[in-house]
């Protein structure tokens, strides 16, 4: 779980940066990167939930 949290934080930062670029400058490539980050973040959060539930059972 210790490895997962920094990955989640990095993905959130990437998402925020790319969303900002898309909204403020109309950068279409940033929108694509933001959607990719959102998908990756979703995967990481599912993994975090799985690991967290397992840790709570111990």
Protein backbone atom coordinates (compact mmCIF):
# COMPACT_ATOMS: atom_id res chain seq x y z
CA UNK A 1 0.00 0.00 0.00
CA UNK A 2 2.95 2.31 0.64
CA UNK A 3 3.86 2.16 -3.06
CA UNK A 4 0.30 2.80 -4.16
CA UNK A 5 -0.29 6.15 -2.43
CA UNK A 6 2.56 8.02 -4.18
CA UNK A 7 1.39 6.64 -7.54
CA UNK A 8 -2.15 7.85 -6.82
CA UNK A 9 -0.89 11.30 -5.83
CA UNK A 10 1.27 11.58 -8.97
CA UNK A 11 -1.66 10.58 -11.17
CA UNK A 12 -3.92 13.16 -9.49
CA UNK A 13 -1.33 15.87 -10.12
CA UNK A 14 -1.01 14.83 -13.75
CA UNK A 15 -4.79 14.86 -14.17
CA UNK A 16 -5.12 18.32 -12.62
CA UNK A 17 -2.33 19.75 -14.78
CA UNK A 18 -3.77 18.38 -18.02
CA UNK A 19 -7.35 19.42 -17.19
CA UNK A 20 -6.10 22.94 -16.49
CA UNK A 21 -4.29 23.05 -19.84
CA UNK A 22 -7.36 21.79 -21.66
CA UNK A 23 -9.74 24.24 -20.00
CA UNK A 24 -7.55 27.34 -20.10
CA UNK A 25 -5.80 26.91 -23.45
CA UNK A 26 -8.08 24.51 -25.31
CA UNK A 27 -5.23 22.03 -25.67
CA UNK A 28 -6.79 18.87 -27.17
CA UNK A 29 -3.74 16.71 -26.46
CA UNK A 30 -3.96 17.67 -22.78
CA UNK A 31 -7.57 16.47 -22.81
CA UNK A 32 -6.42 13.10 -24.13
CA UNK A 33 -3.74 12.89 -21.44
CA UNK A 34 -6.30 13.87 -18.78
CA UNK A 35 -8.64 11.07 -19.86
CA UNK A 36 -5.75 8.60 -19.81
CA UNK A 37 -4.81 9.77 -16.31
CA UNK A 38 -8.42 9.37 -15.19
CA UNK A 39 -8.45 5.75 -16.37
CA UNK A 40 -5.15 5.01 -14.68
CA UNK A 41 -6.35 6.70 -11.50
CA UNK A 42 -9.47 4.54 -11.55
CA UNK A 43 -7.31 1.39 -11.76
CA UNK A 44 -5.06 2.57 -8.94
CA UNK A 45 -8.00 3.40 -6.70
CA UNK A 46 -9.53 -0.03 -7.27
CA UNK A 47 -6.21 -1.61 -6.36
CA UNK A 48 -6.00 0.61 -3.26
CA UNK A 49 -9.47 -0.50 -2.18
CA UNK A 50 -8.52 -4.16 -2.64
CA UNK A 51 -5.32 -3.80 -0.64
CA UNK A 52 -7.05 -1.75 2.04
CA UNK A 53 -9.81 -4.33 2.53
CA UNK A 54 -7.22 -7.11 2.80
CA UNK A 55 -5.25 -5.13 5.37
CA UNK A 56 -8.38 -4.47 7.41
CA UNK A 57 -9.12 -8.20 7.61
CA UNK A 58 -5.76 -8.95 9.25
